[in-house]
N, C-alpha and C. Protein backbone atom coordinates (compact mmCIF):
# COMPACT_ATOMS: atom_id res chain seq x y z
N UNK A 1 33.86 -26.46 -18.47
CA UNK A 1 33.89 -25.08 -18.62
C UNK A 1 32.96 -24.16 -19.67
N UNK A 2 32.41 -23.63 -18.53
CA UNK A 2 31.92 -22.36 -19.33
C UNK A 2 32.35 -21.95 -20.45
N UNK A 3 31.57 -21.92 -21.68
CA UNK A 3 31.83 -21.28 -22.61
C UNK A 3 32.93 -22.00 -23.63
N UNK A 4 32.96 -23.54 -23.49
CA UNK A 4 33.73 -24.00 -24.03
C UNK A 4 33.04 -25.13 -25.29
N UNK A 5 33.34 -25.38 -26.05
CA UNK A 5 32.29 -25.98 -27.16
C UNK A 5 33.42 -27.33 -28.18
N UNK A 6 33.58 -28.57 -27.81
CA UNK A 6 33.80 -29.69 -28.15
C UNK A 6 33.20 -30.09 -29.64
N UNK A 7 33.94 -29.98 -30.72
CA UNK A 7 33.39 -30.17 -32.03
C UNK A 7 33.93 -31.91 -32.67
N UNK A 8 33.32 -32.34 -33.22
CA UNK A 8 34.11 -33.75 -34.08
C UNK A 8 34.30 -33.43 -35.14
N UNK A 9 35.73 -33.55 -35.98
CA UNK A 9 35.47 -33.42 -37.50
C UNK A 9 36.31 -35.07 -37.64
N UNK A 10 35.85 -35.76 -39.24
CA UNK A 10 36.17 -37.11 -39.70
C UNK A 10 36.34 -37.19 -40.94
N UNK A 11 37.32 -37.17 -41.53
CA UNK A 11 37.34 -37.52 -42.60
C UNK A 11 38.58 -39.02 -43.13
N UNK A 12 37.41 -39.67 -43.43
CA UNK A 12 38.35 -41.12 -43.65
C UNK A 12 38.68 -41.59 -42.11
N UNK A 13 39.74 -42.45 -42.31
CA UNK A 13 39.97 -42.67 -41.21
C UNK A 13 41.45 -41.47 -40.14
N UNK A 14 40.72 -40.75 -40.42
CA UNK A 14 41.59 -39.20 -39.52
C UNK A 14 40.57 -38.56 -38.93
N UNK A 15 40.58 -37.57 -38.00
CA UNK A 15 39.63 -36.50 -37.65
C UNK A 15 40.81 -36.12 -36.51
N UNK A 16 40.02 -35.20 -35.82
CA UNK A 16 40.05 -34.14 -34.67
C UNK A 16 39.05 -33.58 -33.94
N UNK A 17 39.13 -33.38 -32.75
CA UNK A 17 38.65 -32.90 -32.08
C UNK A 17 39.11 -31.57 -31.97
N UNK A 18 38.09 -30.47 -32.00
CA UNK A 18 38.29 -29.13 -31.82
C UNK A 18 37.80 -28.53 -30.39
N UNK A 19 38.44 -27.68 -30.33
CA UNK A 19 37.84 -27.15 -28.69
C UNK A 19 37.61 -25.81 -29.00
N UNK A 20 36.87 -24.87 -29.38
CA UNK A 20 36.37 -22.90 -29.43
C UNK A 20 35.99 -23.37 -27.69
N UNK A 21 36.30 -21.37 -27.62
CA UNK A 21 36.08 -21.31 -26.21
C UNK A 21 35.03 -19.30 -26.80
N UNK A 22 34.26 -19.52 -26.19
CA UNK A 22 33.37 -18.60 -26.50
C UNK A 22 34.49 -16.96 -25.84
N UNK A 23 34.05 -16.20 -27.33
CA UNK A 23 35.39 -14.40 -27.66
C UNK A 23 36.61 -15.25 -27.83
N UNK A 24 37.04 -16.27 -28.02
CA UNK A 24 37.95 -16.05 -29.12
C UNK A 24 37.75 -17.05 -30.45
N UNK A 25 39.59 -16.92 -31.11
CA UNK A 25 39.67 -17.18 -32.50
C UNK A 25 40.67 -18.43 -32.67
N UNK A 26 41.17 -18.63 -31.34
CA UNK A 26 42.14 -19.98 -31.20
C UNK A 26 41.13 -20.88 -30.91
N UNK A 27 41.53 -22.03 -31.64
CA UNK A 27 40.97 -23.39 -31.45
C UNK A 27 42.28 -24.62 -31.16
N UNK A 28 41.89 -24.84 -29.58
CA UNK A 28 42.73 -26.87 -29.21
C UNK A 28 42.19 -27.52 -30.18
N UNK A 29 42.99 -28.14 -30.72
CA UNK A 29 42.68 -29.66 -31.60
C UNK A 29 43.32 -30.79 -30.56
N UNK A 30 42.76 -31.99 -30.61
CA UNK A 30 43.18 -33.38 -30.76
C UNK A 30 42.93 -34.33 -32.16
N UNK A 31 44.49 -34.49 -32.51
CA UNK A 31 44.12 -35.13 -33.69
C UNK A 31 44.39 -37.00 -33.60
N UNK A 32 43.47 -37.36 -34.24
CA UNK A 32 43.56 -39.13 -34.64
C UNK A 32 43.60 -39.85 -35.69
N UNK A 33 43.91 -41.06 -35.69
CA UNK A 33 43.74 -41.63 -37.00
C UNK A 33 43.34 -43.07 -36.29
N UNK A 34 42.60 -43.81 -37.00
CA UNK A 34 42.37 -45.34 -36.69
C UNK A 34 43.02 -46.34 -37.41
N UNK A 35 43.37 -47.03 -36.26
CA UNK A 35 44.35 -48.04 -36.64
C UNK A 35 43.00 -49.50 -36.26
N UNK A 36 43.64 -50.71 -36.76
CA UNK A 36 43.50 -51.77 -36.29
C UNK A 36 44.32 -52.54 -35.04
N UNK A 37 44.28 -52.77 -34.26
CA UNK A 37 45.30 -52.80 -33.08
C UNK A 37 45.24 -53.64 -32.13
N UNK A 38 45.83 -55.01 -32.09
CA UNK A 38 45.85 -56.46 -31.57
C UNK A 38 44.28 -56.70 -31.53
N UNK A 39 43.83 -56.53 -32.78
CA UNK A 39 42.39 -57.27 -33.03
C UNK A 39 41.02 -56.13 -32.76
N UNK A 40 41.69 -55.22 -32.43
CA UNK A 40 40.44 -53.61 -31.87
C UNK A 40 40.41 -52.87 -32.73
N UNK A 41 39.31 -52.47 -32.99
CA UNK A 41 39.20 -50.58 -33.72
C UNK A 41 40.05 -50.11 -32.89
N UNK A 42 40.91 -49.07 -32.89
CA UNK A 42 41.40 -48.03 -32.29
C UNK A 42 41.49 -46.76 -32.90
N UNK A 43 41.45 -45.94 -31.91
CA UNK A 43 42.15 -44.69 -32.38
C UNK A 43 43.21 -43.99 -31.74
N UNK A 44 44.17 -43.71 -32.54
CA UNK A 44 45.41 -43.53 -31.99
C UNK A 44 45.62 -41.68 -32.04
N UNK A 45 45.74 -41.42 -30.56
CA UNK A 45 45.59 -40.10 -30.12
C UNK A 45 47.34 -39.88 -30.59
N UNK A 46 47.25 -38.92 -31.72
CA UNK A 46 48.31 -38.43 -32.04
C UNK A 46 49.21 -37.27 -31.35
N UNK A 47 48.31 -36.19 -31.13
CA UNK A 47 48.42 -34.84 -31.11
C UNK A 47 47.55 -33.79 -30.14
N UNK A 48 48.19 -33.83 -29.19
CA UNK A 48 46.77 -32.48 -28.52
C UNK A 48 47.92 -30.98 -28.82
N UNK A 49 47.12 -30.13 -29.08
CA UNK A 49 47.11 -28.43 -29.21
C UNK A 49 46.65 -27.76 -29.18
N UNK A 50 47.26 -27.38 -28.24
CA UNK A 50 46.00 -25.96 -27.81
C UNK A 50 47.25 -24.42 -27.86
N UNK A 51 46.66 -23.34 -28.16
CA UNK A 51 47.21 -22.12 -28.44
C UNK A 51 46.98 -21.86 -27.35
N UNK A 52 48.46 -21.01 -27.26
CA UNK A 52 48.77 -20.09 -25.57
C UNK A 52 47.94 -19.14 -25.17
N UNK A 53 46.73 -18.44 -26.12
CA UNK A 53 45.67 -17.57 -26.08
C UNK A 53 44.34 -18.58 -25.13
N UNK A 54 44.63 -19.76 -25.57
CA UNK A 54 43.29 -20.61 -24.51
C UNK A 54 43.91 -21.41 -23.56
N UNK A 55 45.46 -21.27 -22.88
CA UNK A 55 46.05 -22.40 -22.73
C UNK A 55 45.98 -21.71 -20.95
N UNK A 56 46.05 -23.18 -20.75
CA UNK A 56 45.40 -23.27 -19.12
C UNK A 56 44.19 -23.00 -18.65
N UNK A 57 43.04 -23.44 -19.29
CA UNK A 57 41.98 -23.56 -18.92
C UNK A 57 40.85 -24.61 -18.85
N UNK A 58 42.29 -25.92 -18.81
CA UNK A 58 41.56 -26.99 -19.00
C UNK A 58 41.52 -27.46 -20.48
N UNK A 59 41.54 -26.60 -21.65
CA UNK A 59 41.07 -26.88 -22.83
C UNK A 59 41.37 -28.51 -23.31
N UNK A 60 43.13 -28.82 -22.83
CA UNK A 60 43.32 -29.87 -23.53
C UNK A 60 42.88 -31.34 -22.67
N UNK A 61 42.72 -31.04 -21.15
CA UNK A 61 41.68 -32.13 -20.37
C UNK A 61 40.42 -32.13 -21.04
N UNK A 62 39.71 -31.13 -21.82
CA UNK A 62 38.54 -31.53 -22.58
C UNK A 62 38.50 -32.30 -23.15
N UNK A 63 39.57 -32.28 -23.98
CA UNK A 63 39.85 -32.45 -25.45
C UNK A 63 39.69 -33.96 -25.47
N UNK A 64 40.50 -34.15 -24.46
CA UNK A 64 40.89 -35.95 -23.97
C UNK A 64 39.52 -36.65 -23.46
N UNK A 65 38.69 -35.83 -22.67
CA UNK A 65 37.66 -36.11 -21.83
C UNK A 65 36.36 -36.78 -23.13
N UNK A 66 36.59 -35.60 -24.11
CA UNK A 66 35.93 -36.18 -25.62
C UNK A 66 35.86 -37.40 -25.91
N UNK A 67 37.36 -37.36 -26.11
CA UNK A 67 37.67 -38.80 -27.11
C UNK A 67 37.28 -40.26 -26.03
N UNK A 68 37.34 -40.18 -24.74
CA UNK A 68 37.43 -41.09 -23.71
C UNK A 68 35.50 -41.25 -24.11
N UNK A 69 34.86 -40.77 -24.01
CA UNK A 69 33.24 -40.11 -23.85
C UNK A 69 33.20 -41.13 -24.71
N UNK A 70 33.57 -40.40 -26.11
CA UNK A 70 32.87 -41.11 -27.71
C UNK A 70 33.36 -42.83 -27.69
N UNK A 71 35.02 -42.83 -27.05
CA UNK A 71 35.66 -44.27 -26.90
C UNK A 71 34.30 -45.06 -26.37
N UNK A 72 33.76 -44.67 -24.77
CA UNK A 72 32.80 -45.40 -24.29
C UNK A 72 31.69 -45.64 -25.12
N UNK A 73 31.14 -44.47 -25.73
CA UNK A 73 29.70 -44.70 -26.49
C UNK A 73 29.86 -45.57 -28.01
N UNK A 74 31.06 -45.36 -28.63
CA UNK A 74 31.43 -46.12 -29.66
C UNK A 74 32.04 -47.45 -30.22
N UNK A 75 32.84 -47.55 -28.72
CA UNK A 75 33.20 -48.78 -28.73
C UNK A 75 34.49 -49.23 -29.43
N UNK A 76 35.36 -48.42 -29.61
CA UNK A 76 36.76 -48.39 -29.89
C UNK A 76 37.84 -48.00 -28.89
N UNK A 77 38.80 -48.92 -28.69
CA UNK A 77 40.23 -48.53 -28.19
C UNK A 77 40.67 -47.03 -28.63
N UNK A 78 41.82 -46.69 -27.42
CA UNK A 78 42.31 -45.69 -28.16
C UNK A 78 44.20 -46.17 -27.57
N UNK A 79 44.77 -45.55 -28.40
CA UNK A 79 46.83 -45.14 -28.37
C UNK A 79 46.38 -44.10 -28.26
N UNK A 80 47.24 -44.24 -26.70
CA UNK A 80 47.68 -42.75 -26.23
C UNK A 80 48.79 -42.53 -27.23
N UNK A 81 49.29 -42.05 -28.09
CA UNK A 81 50.66 -41.91 -28.47
C UNK A 81 50.78 -40.33 -28.37
N UNK A 82 50.77 -39.52 -28.09
CA UNK A 82 50.27 -38.38 -27.55
C UNK A 82 50.94 -38.43 -26.12
N UNK A 83 52.01 -37.70 -26.04
CA UNK A 83 52.09 -37.59 -24.26
C UNK A 83 51.62 -37.18 -23.15
N UNK A 84 50.63 -36.19 -23.74
CA UNK A 84 49.36 -35.38 -22.99
C UNK A 84 48.36 -36.66 -22.60
N UNK A 85 48.35 -37.34 -23.62
CA UNK A 85 47.02 -38.40 -23.63
C UNK A 85 47.51 -39.50 -22.49
N UNK A 86 48.99 -39.85 -22.83
CA UNK A 86 49.28 -41.05 -22.39
C UNK A 86 49.23 -40.40 -20.68
N UNK A 87 50.01 -39.44 -20.27
CA UNK A 87 49.76 -39.05 -19.14
C UNK A 87 47.85 -38.82 -18.36
N UNK A 88 47.36 -38.45 -19.15
CA UNK A 88 45.81 -38.21 -18.82
C UNK A 88 45.50 -39.70 -18.58
N UNK A 89 46.11 -40.60 -18.96
CA UNK A 89 45.85 -42.17 -19.12
C UNK A 89 46.13 -42.45 -17.61
N UNK A 90 47.47 -41.88 -17.46
CA UNK A 90 48.44 -42.66 -16.42
C UNK A 90 47.11 -41.96 -14.95
N UNK A 91 46.40 -40.80 -14.93
CA UNK A 91 46.06 -40.12 -13.67
C UNK A 91 44.54 -40.65 -14.05
N UNK A 92 44.32 -41.49 -14.77
CA UNK A 92 42.87 -42.15 -14.78
C UNK A 92 43.06 -43.57 -14.37
N UNK A 93 42.94 -44.33 -13.73
CA UNK A 93 43.20 -45.85 -13.66
C UNK A 93 41.65 -46.72 -14.46
N UNK A 94 40.47 -45.44 -14.19
CA UNK A 94 39.41 -46.19 -14.61
C UNK A 94 39.15 -46.10 -16.55
N UNK A 95 40.22 -45.96 -17.03
CA UNK A 95 40.49 -45.91 -18.54
C UNK A 95 40.92 -46.57 -18.61
N UNK A 96 41.42 -47.25 -18.19
CA UNK A 96 42.66 -48.75 -18.49
C UNK A 96 42.09 -49.42 -19.59
N UNK A 97 40.41 -49.97 -19.45
CA UNK A 97 39.96 -50.91 -20.19
C UNK A 97 39.84 -50.61 -21.87
N UNK A 98 40.70 -48.95 -21.88
CA UNK A 98 40.32 -48.30 -23.22
C UNK A 98 41.05 -48.34 -24.13
N UNK A 99 42.11 -48.70 -23.27
CA UNK A 99 43.54 -48.63 -23.61
C UNK A 99 44.18 -50.27 -24.69
N UNK A 100 44.63 -49.46 -25.50
CA UNK A 100 45.56 -50.78 -26.38
C UNK A 100 46.98 -50.82 -26.00
């Protein structure tokens, strides 16, 4: 999406992905915590939050895509605790290898 920037914020074993759309102050967020799960390091995707002001533009999907891309690049698994993230995993069977 044009004008969308995703940034990563980490503090110890937890973090957030932030989505910024040029021209707005609203920030979409995907929050996560790191846990050891079934012998794997995993990020538990807890919540995906997109303010109404920037909703309906694919922001939540872009946040999940960033999480999945990072999992592929850095070798961690994902626990889709958030219902939106779980839904996206259901729609993308090629992500099955990342799910714990």
